[in-house]
Amino acid sequence: MARCPHCEREVEPEFRFCPGCAEPLRLKLVEFFPGADPEEKRSLRVSRYLETGQVRFSVWDETGTVRGAVSLDDDEAERLAGFVGPARPGRRERLLEDLRAAFLLRRPRSVPGDEEDPGSVGGDPGTPAEVAGVLDEEPAGGP
């Protein structure tokens, strides 16, 4: 059986508050996030349990009924935060620049209209899909 951290009285594990002194026994932070579609009226409730290091996500419908839930440990919650966190300014542009630079280093390409030097490097390296396709190819001369 657990003990209240304030008055040290024995407390059943399912209690949220000590029956003797009313001290909160579960410390958590809770936030609600409305769904993107206002007509569905669903929301996401995220609870961070401070003493256990877990984060719980639950989906609530328009009637206030929980439709699903999942808990993550702190490591997974941190990984999720990195995934859904705000994109850094210019991140996509830097990625495309890096892909284009890698493309140009691996694949000489002539500049359109430059008949004098057909092997020169330059020009538009293409769309991101074209660049990614070239990067997946084996380099000339083997691996």
N, C-alpha and C. Protein backbone atom coordinates (compact mmCIF):
# COMPACT_ATOMS: atom_id res chain seq x y z
N MET A 1 0.84 -1.17 0.00
CA MET A 1 0.00 0.00 0.00
C MET A 1 0.89 1.25 0.00
N ALA A 2 0.44 2.28 -0.72
CA ALA A 2 1.20 3.52 -0.83
C ALA A 2 0.97 4.40 0.40
N ARG A 3 1.86 5.38 0.57
CA ARG A 3 1.74 6.33 1.68
C ARG A 3 1.63 7.74 1.10
N CYS A 4 0.88 8.57 1.78
CA CYS A 4 0.76 9.98 1.41
C CYS A 4 2.10 10.66 1.68
N PRO A 5 2.63 11.41 0.74
CA PRO A 5 3.91 12.08 0.97
C PRO A 5 3.81 13.23 1.97
N HIS A 6 2.59 13.70 2.26
CA HIS A 6 2.42 14.83 3.17
C HIS A 6 2.20 14.37 4.62
N CYS A 7 1.22 13.49 4.84
CA CYS A 7 0.89 13.08 6.21
C CYS A 7 1.34 11.65 6.53
N GLU A 8 1.84 10.93 5.54
CA GLU A 8 2.36 9.57 5.65
C GLU A 8 1.30 8.53 6.01
N ARG A 9 0.06 8.86 5.82
CA ARG A 9 -1.03 7.91 6.04
C ARG A 9 -1.03 6.88 4.90
N GLU A 10 -1.38 5.63 5.20
CA GLU A 10 -1.51 4.61 4.16
C GLU A 10 -2.71 4.94 3.29
N VAL A 11 -2.51 4.82 1.97
CA VAL A 11 -3.54 5.21 1.01
C VAL A 11 -3.66 4.13 -0.06
N GLU A 12 -4.89 3.78 -0.42
CA GLU A 12 -5.12 2.83 -1.50
C GLU A 12 -4.54 3.39 -2.81
N PRO A 13 -3.94 2.54 -3.64
CA PRO A 13 -3.28 3.03 -4.85
C PRO A 13 -4.21 3.73 -5.85
N GLU A 14 -5.51 3.42 -5.82
CA GLU A 14 -6.43 4.05 -6.78
C GLU A 14 -6.86 5.45 -6.37
N PHE A 15 -6.55 5.87 -5.13
CA PHE A 15 -6.93 7.20 -4.67
C PHE A 15 -6.09 8.27 -5.36
N ARG A 16 -6.74 9.35 -5.74
CA ARG A 16 -6.04 10.48 -6.35
C ARG A 16 -5.65 11.54 -5.31
N PHE A 17 -6.37 11.54 -4.19
CA PHE A 17 -6.10 12.47 -3.11
C PHE A 17 -6.06 11.68 -1.80
N CYS A 18 -5.25 12.12 -0.88
CA CYS A 18 -5.18 11.48 0.44
C CYS A 18 -6.50 11.73 1.17
N PRO A 19 -7.15 10.68 1.69
CA PRO A 19 -8.40 10.88 2.41
C PRO A 19 -8.20 11.59 3.75
N GLY A 20 -6.96 11.63 4.25
CA GLY A 20 -6.70 12.28 5.54
C GLY A 20 -6.40 13.75 5.43
N CYS A 21 -5.60 14.15 4.43
CA CYS A 21 -5.19 15.56 4.35
C CYS A 21 -5.51 16.22 3.01
N ALA A 22 -6.08 15.48 2.09
CA ALA A 22 -6.47 15.98 0.76
C ALA A 22 -5.29 16.34 -0.14
N GLU A 23 -4.12 15.87 0.21
CA GLU A 23 -2.93 16.10 -0.63
C GLU A 23 -3.10 15.35 -1.96
N PRO A 24 -2.81 16.01 -3.10
CA PRO A 24 -2.87 15.30 -4.38
C PRO A 24 -1.82 14.18 -4.39
N LEU A 25 -2.24 13.00 -4.82
CA LEU A 25 -1.33 11.86 -4.85
C LEU A 25 -0.78 11.58 -6.24
N ARG A 26 -1.44 12.09 -7.24
CA ARG A 26 -0.96 11.94 -8.62
C ARG A 26 -0.72 13.33 -9.17
N LEU A 27 0.47 13.58 -9.54
CA LEU A 27 0.79 14.87 -10.12
C LEU A 27 0.85 14.71 -11.63
N LYS A 28 -0.01 15.45 -12.32
CA LYS A 28 -0.01 15.37 -13.77
C LYS A 28 -0.40 16.72 -14.36
N LEU A 29 0.04 16.91 -15.57
CA LEU A 29 -0.33 18.08 -16.35
C LEU A 29 -1.26 17.59 -17.45
N VAL A 30 -2.32 18.33 -17.73
CA VAL A 30 -3.30 17.92 -18.73
C VAL A 30 -3.54 19.08 -19.69
N GLU A 31 -3.62 18.74 -20.97
CA GLU A 31 -3.92 19.74 -22.00
C GLU A 31 -4.87 19.11 -23.01
N PHE A 32 -5.85 19.89 -23.48
CA PHE A 32 -6.77 19.44 -24.52
C PHE A 32 -6.43 20.14 -25.82
N PHE A 33 -6.53 19.40 -26.93
CA PHE A 33 -6.29 19.94 -28.25
C PHE A 33 -7.50 19.61 -29.13
N PRO A 34 -8.20 20.63 -29.64
CA PRO A 34 -9.35 20.34 -30.50
C PRO A 34 -8.87 19.77 -31.84
N GLY A 35 -9.71 18.94 -32.44
CA GLY A 35 -9.38 18.37 -33.74
C GLY A 35 -9.38 19.44 -34.82
N ALA A 36 -8.75 19.14 -35.95
CA ALA A 36 -8.65 20.10 -37.05
C ALA A 36 -9.99 20.32 -37.74
N ASP A 37 -10.86 19.31 -37.73
CA ASP A 37 -12.17 19.43 -38.37
C ASP A 37 -13.21 19.80 -37.32
N PRO A 38 -13.69 21.05 -37.33
CA PRO A 38 -14.61 21.49 -36.29
C PRO A 38 -15.96 20.75 -36.31
N GLU A 39 -16.32 20.16 -37.44
CA GLU A 39 -17.59 19.44 -37.51
C GLU A 39 -17.53 18.10 -36.79
N GLU A 40 -16.36 17.48 -36.70
CA GLU A 40 -16.23 16.20 -36.00
C GLU A 40 -16.30 16.36 -34.49
N LYS A 41 -15.87 17.49 -33.99
CA LYS A 41 -15.88 17.80 -32.56
C LYS A 41 -15.15 16.75 -31.72
N ARG A 42 -14.05 16.25 -32.25
CA ARG A 42 -13.20 15.35 -31.48
C ARG A 42 -12.04 16.15 -30.91
N SER A 43 -11.46 15.62 -29.86
CA SER A 43 -10.31 16.31 -29.27
C SER A 43 -9.30 15.28 -28.78
N LEU A 44 -8.12 15.78 -28.56
CA LEU A 44 -7.03 14.96 -28.04
C LEU A 44 -6.70 15.49 -26.65
N ARG A 45 -6.68 14.60 -25.69
CA ARG A 45 -6.28 14.96 -24.33
C ARG A 45 -4.91 14.34 -24.09
N VAL A 46 -3.97 15.17 -23.66
CA VAL A 46 -2.62 14.70 -23.38
C VAL A 46 -2.34 14.92 -21.90
N SER A 47 -1.99 13.86 -21.20
CA SER A 47 -1.69 13.93 -19.76
C SER A 47 -0.25 13.50 -19.54
N ARG A 48 0.51 14.32 -18.81
CA ARG A 48 1.88 13.96 -18.44
C ARG A 48 1.88 13.66 -16.95
N TYR A 49 2.18 12.40 -16.62
CA TYR A 49 2.25 11.96 -15.22
C TYR A 49 3.67 12.19 -14.73
N LEU A 50 3.83 13.13 -13.83
CA LEU A 50 5.16 13.57 -13.41
C LEU A 50 5.93 12.52 -12.63
N GLU A 51 5.25 11.77 -11.78
CA GLU A 51 5.99 10.81 -10.95
C GLU A 51 6.32 9.51 -11.68
N THR A 52 5.58 9.16 -12.73
CA THR A 52 5.87 7.91 -13.44
C THR A 52 6.63 8.13 -14.74
N GLY A 53 6.69 9.37 -15.21
CA GLY A 53 7.41 9.64 -16.45
C GLY A 53 6.68 9.14 -17.68
N GLN A 54 5.37 9.09 -17.63
CA GLN A 54 4.59 8.66 -18.78
C GLN A 54 3.75 9.81 -19.33
N VAL A 55 3.48 9.70 -20.62
CA VAL A 55 2.58 10.64 -21.28
C VAL A 55 1.46 9.80 -21.88
N ARG A 56 0.21 10.19 -21.62
CA ARG A 56 -0.94 9.44 -22.11
C ARG A 56 -1.74 10.31 -23.06
N PHE A 57 -2.05 9.75 -24.21
CA PHE A 57 -2.86 10.42 -25.23
C PHE A 57 -4.20 9.71 -25.29
N SER A 58 -5.28 10.48 -25.25
CA SER A 58 -6.59 9.87 -25.40
C SER A 58 -7.42 10.71 -26.36
N VAL A 59 -8.18 10.02 -27.21
CA VAL A 59 -9.04 10.67 -28.20
C VAL A 59 -10.46 10.67 -27.65
N TRP A 60 -11.07 11.85 -27.61
CA TRP A 60 -12.42 12.03 -27.06
C TRP A 60 -13.36 12.40 -28.19
N ASP A 61 -14.57 11.83 -28.18
CA ASP A 61 -15.55 12.18 -29.20
C ASP A 61 -16.45 13.31 -28.71
N GLU A 62 -17.45 13.65 -29.54
CA GLU A 62 -18.32 14.79 -29.23
C GLU A 62 -19.20 14.57 -28.00
N THR A 63 -19.34 13.31 -27.56
CA THR A 63 -20.15 13.04 -26.38
C THR A 63 -19.32 13.03 -25.10
N GLY A 64 -18.01 13.23 -25.22
CA GLY A 64 -17.15 13.19 -24.04
C GLY A 64 -16.69 11.79 -23.69
N THR A 65 -16.81 10.86 -24.65
CA THR A 65 -16.40 9.48 -24.44
C THR A 65 -15.01 9.25 -25.02
N VAL A 66 -14.18 8.57 -24.26
CA VAL A 66 -12.84 8.24 -24.75
C VAL A 66 -12.97 7.13 -25.78
N ARG A 67 -12.40 7.34 -26.97
CA ARG A 67 -12.48 6.36 -28.06
C ARG A 67 -11.21 5.54 -28.21
N GLY A 68 -10.13 6.01 -27.65
CA GLY A 68 -8.87 5.29 -27.71
C GLY A 68 -7.82 6.01 -26.91
N ALA A 69 -6.82 5.27 -26.45
CA ALA A 69 -5.76 5.88 -25.64
C ALA A 69 -4.48 5.08 -25.80
N VAL A 70 -3.38 5.77 -25.61
CA VAL A 70 -2.07 5.12 -25.62
C VAL A 70 -1.15 5.90 -24.70
N SER A 71 -0.27 5.17 -24.01
CA SER A 71 0.71 5.80 -23.12
C SER A 71 2.09 5.62 -23.71
N LEU A 72 2.92 6.63 -23.56
CA LEU A 72 4.31 6.58 -24.01
C LEU A 72 5.22 6.86 -22.82
N ASP A 73 6.41 6.24 -22.82
CA ASP A 73 7.38 6.59 -21.79
C ASP A 73 8.06 7.90 -22.20
N ASP A 74 8.87 8.46 -21.31
CA ASP A 74 9.49 9.76 -21.58
C ASP A 74 10.33 9.78 -22.85
N ASP A 75 11.07 8.71 -23.12
CA ASP A 75 11.92 8.67 -24.32
C ASP A 75 11.09 8.75 -25.59
N GLU A 76 10.01 7.98 -25.65
CA GLU A 76 9.14 8.01 -26.83
C GLU A 76 8.40 9.34 -26.93
N ALA A 77 8.01 9.91 -25.80
CA ALA A 77 7.34 11.21 -25.81
C ALA A 77 8.28 12.29 -26.35
N GLU A 78 9.55 12.21 -25.98
CA GLU A 78 10.52 13.17 -26.49
C GLU A 78 10.72 13.00 -27.99
N ARG A 79 10.76 11.75 -28.44
CA ARG A 79 10.90 11.48 -29.88
C ARG A 79 9.69 12.02 -30.63
N LEU A 80 8.50 11.83 -30.06
CA LEU A 80 7.28 12.35 -30.68
C LEU A 80 7.32 13.87 -30.73
N ALA A 81 7.76 14.50 -29.67
CA ALA A 81 7.84 15.97 -29.63
C ALA A 81 8.76 16.48 -30.73
N GLY A 82 9.86 15.79 -30.97
CA GLY A 82 10.76 16.19 -32.05
C GLY A 82 10.12 16.04 -33.41
N PHE A 83 9.28 15.02 -33.54
CA PHE A 83 8.62 14.77 -34.82
C PHE A 83 7.55 15.80 -35.11
N VAL A 84 6.72 16.15 -34.12
CA VAL A 84 5.61 17.07 -34.36
C VAL A 84 5.98 18.52 -34.05
N GLY A 85 7.17 18.76 -33.54
CA GLY A 85 7.59 20.11 -33.19
C GLY A 85 7.64 21.02 -34.40
N PRO A 86 7.70 22.31 -34.17
CA PRO A 86 7.71 23.26 -35.29
C PRO A 86 8.94 23.07 -36.16
N ALA A 87 8.73 23.16 -37.45
CA ALA A 87 9.84 23.04 -38.39
C ALA A 87 10.72 24.29 -38.25
N ARG A 88 12.01 24.06 -38.27
CA ARG A 88 12.92 25.20 -38.22
C ARG A 88 12.84 25.95 -39.54
N PRO A 89 12.94 27.28 -39.49
CA PRO A 89 12.87 28.05 -40.72
C PRO A 89 13.96 27.62 -41.70
N GLY A 90 13.57 27.40 -42.92
CA GLY A 90 14.54 27.07 -43.96
C GLY A 90 14.99 25.62 -43.97
N ARG A 91 14.42 24.78 -43.14
CA ARG A 91 14.85 23.38 -43.07
C ARG A 91 14.67 22.68 -44.41
N ARG A 92 13.51 22.86 -45.00
CA ARG A 92 13.24 22.21 -46.29
C ARG A 92 14.19 22.75 -47.37
N GLU A 93 14.39 24.06 -47.35
CA GLU A 93 15.26 24.66 -48.35
C GLU A 93 16.70 24.16 -48.21
N ARG A 94 17.19 24.02 -46.96
CA ARG A 94 18.55 23.51 -46.76
C ARG A 94 18.67 22.07 -47.22
N LEU A 95 17.63 21.28 -46.97
CA LEU A 95 17.64 19.89 -47.42
C LEU A 95 17.71 19.83 -48.95
N LEU A 96 16.90 20.63 -49.62
CA LEU A 96 16.92 20.63 -51.08
C LEU A 96 18.28 21.10 -51.61
N GLU A 97 18.86 22.10 -50.98
CA GLU A 97 20.19 22.56 -51.39
C GLU A 97 21.22 21.45 -51.22
N ASP A 98 21.17 20.74 -50.10
CA ASP A 98 22.10 19.63 -49.88
C ASP A 98 21.90 18.53 -50.91
N LEU A 99 20.65 18.21 -51.21
CA LEU A 99 20.38 17.19 -52.23
C LEU A 99 20.88 17.62 -53.60
N ARG A 100 20.64 18.87 -53.92
CA ARG A 100 21.11 19.38 -55.22
C ARG A 100 22.64 19.36 -55.29
N ALA A 101 23.29 19.76 -54.21
CA ALA A 101 24.75 19.75 -54.20
C ALA A 101 25.28 18.33 -54.35
N ALA A 102 24.69 17.39 -53.63
CA ALA A 102 25.12 15.99 -53.76
C ALA A 102 24.86 15.48 -55.16
N PHE A 103 23.75 15.87 -55.74
CA PHE A 103 23.43 15.47 -57.10
C PHE A 103 24.48 15.98 -58.07
N LEU A 104 24.83 17.25 -57.93
CA LEU A 104 25.81 17.85 -58.83
C LEU A 104 27.19 17.22 -58.68
N LEU A 105 27.55 16.83 -57.46
CA LEU A 105 28.86 16.21 -57.25
C LEU A 105 28.93 14.82 -57.87
N ARG A 106 27.83 14.12 -57.90
CA ARG A 106 27.81 12.74 -58.39
C ARG A 106 27.45 12.64 -59.85
N ARG A 107 26.84 13.64 -60.44
CA ARG A 107 26.29 13.51 -61.78
C ARG A 107 26.60 14.76 -62.60
N PRO A 108 27.71 14.77 -63.36
CA PRO A 108 27.97 15.94 -64.22
C PRO A 108 26.79 16.16 -65.16
N ARG A 109 26.47 17.42 -65.37
CA ARG A 109 25.32 17.75 -66.20
C ARG A 109 25.64 19.02 -66.97
N SER A 110 25.30 19.02 -68.22
CA SER A 110 25.58 20.20 -69.03
C SER A 110 24.51 21.24 -68.81
N VAL A 111 24.91 22.49 -68.97
CA VAL A 111 23.98 23.60 -68.87
C VAL A 111 23.22 23.68 -70.19
N PRO A 112 21.89 23.78 -70.14
CA PRO A 112 21.15 23.88 -71.40
C PRO A 112 21.66 25.06 -72.23
N GLY A 113 21.93 24.79 -73.51
CA GLY A 113 22.44 25.82 -74.41
C GLY A 113 23.94 25.95 -74.39
N ASP A 114 24.65 25.14 -73.62
CA ASP A 114 26.11 25.21 -73.54
C ASP A 114 26.70 24.06 -74.35
N GLU A 115 26.68 24.22 -75.67
CA GLU A 115 27.18 23.16 -76.53
C GLU A 115 28.70 23.07 -76.53
N GLU A 116 29.38 24.16 -76.11
CA GLU A 116 30.84 24.16 -76.13
C GLU A 116 31.41 23.19 -75.11
N ASP A 117 30.76 23.02 -73.98
CA ASP A 117 31.27 22.14 -72.93
C ASP A 117 30.16 21.23 -72.44
N PRO A 118 29.87 20.15 -73.20
CA PRO A 118 28.75 19.30 -72.81
C PRO A 118 28.96 18.56 -71.50
N GLY A 119 30.16 18.48 -70.98
CA GLY A 119 30.40 17.77 -69.72
C GLY A 119 30.47 18.68 -68.52
N SER A 120 30.16 19.97 -68.68
CA SER A 120 30.28 20.88 -67.55
C SER A 120 29.21 20.60 -66.51
N VAL A 121 29.55 20.91 -65.26
CA VAL A 121 28.62 20.71 -64.16
C VAL A 121 27.84 21.99 -63.97
N GLY A 122 26.54 21.87 -63.79
CA GLY A 122 25.73 23.06 -63.55
C GLY A 122 24.33 22.83 -64.01
N GLY A 123 23.59 23.90 -64.13
CA GLY A 123 22.21 23.79 -64.56
C GLY A 123 21.31 23.39 -63.41
N ASP A 124 20.07 23.27 -63.71
CA ASP A 124 19.08 22.87 -62.71
C ASP A 124 19.20 21.38 -62.48
N PRO A 125 19.43 20.95 -61.25
CA PRO A 125 19.58 19.52 -60.99
C PRO A 125 18.29 18.75 -61.10
N GLY A 126 17.16 19.42 -61.20
CA GLY A 126 15.89 18.72 -61.35
C GLY A 126 15.04 18.83 -60.11
N THR A 127 13.93 18.11 -60.16
CA THR A 127 13.00 18.12 -59.05
C THR A 127 13.58 17.32 -57.89
N PRO A 128 13.05 17.49 -56.67
CA PRO A 128 13.53 16.68 -55.54
C PRO A 128 13.42 15.18 -55.81
N ALA A 129 12.35 14.75 -56.51
CA ALA A 129 12.20 13.33 -56.81
C ALA A 129 13.31 12.86 -57.76
N GLU A 130 13.65 13.70 -58.74
CA GLU A 130 14.74 13.34 -59.66
C GLU A 130 16.07 13.28 -58.92
N VAL A 131 16.28 14.25 -58.03
CA VAL A 131 17.52 14.26 -57.26
C VAL A 131 17.60 13.03 -56.37
N ALA A 132 16.51 12.69 -55.69
CA ALA A 132 16.51 11.53 -54.81
C ALA A 132 16.73 10.25 -55.61
N GLY A 133 16.17 10.17 -56.82
CA GLY A 133 16.37 8.99 -57.66
C GLY A 133 17.83 8.82 -58.06
N VAL A 134 18.49 9.91 -58.35
CA VAL A 134 19.90 9.84 -58.71
C VAL A 134 20.74 9.46 -57.49
N LEU A 135 20.40 9.99 -56.33
CA LEU A 135 21.16 9.68 -55.13
C LEU A 135 21.05 8.20 -54.75
N ASP A 136 19.96 7.55 -55.14
CA ASP A 136 19.79 6.13 -54.85
C ASP A 136 20.58 5.24 -55.80
N GLU A 137 21.01 5.80 -56.95
CA GLU A 137 21.76 5.01 -57.92
C GLU A 137 23.17 4.74 -57.40
N GLU A 138 23.77 3.65 -57.89
CA GLU A 138 25.17 3.37 -57.58
C GLU A 138 26.02 4.35 -58.35
N PRO A 139 27.10 4.88 -57.75
CA PRO A 139 27.96 5.81 -58.46
C PRO A 139 28.66 5.10 -59.61
N ALA A 140 28.99 5.87 -60.65
CA ALA A 140 29.71 5.31 -61.79
C ALA A 140 31.03 4.74 -61.29
N GLY A 141 31.38 3.56 -61.75
CA GLY A 141 32.63 2.94 -61.31
C GLY A 141 32.45 1.99 -60.15
N GLY A 142 31.22 1.78 -59.69
CA GLY A 142 30.97 0.81 -58.62
C GLY A 142 30.83 1.43 -57.26
N PRO A 143 30.51 0.60 -56.24
CA PRO A 143 30.27 1.13 -54.89
C PRO A 143 31.53 1.60 -54.20
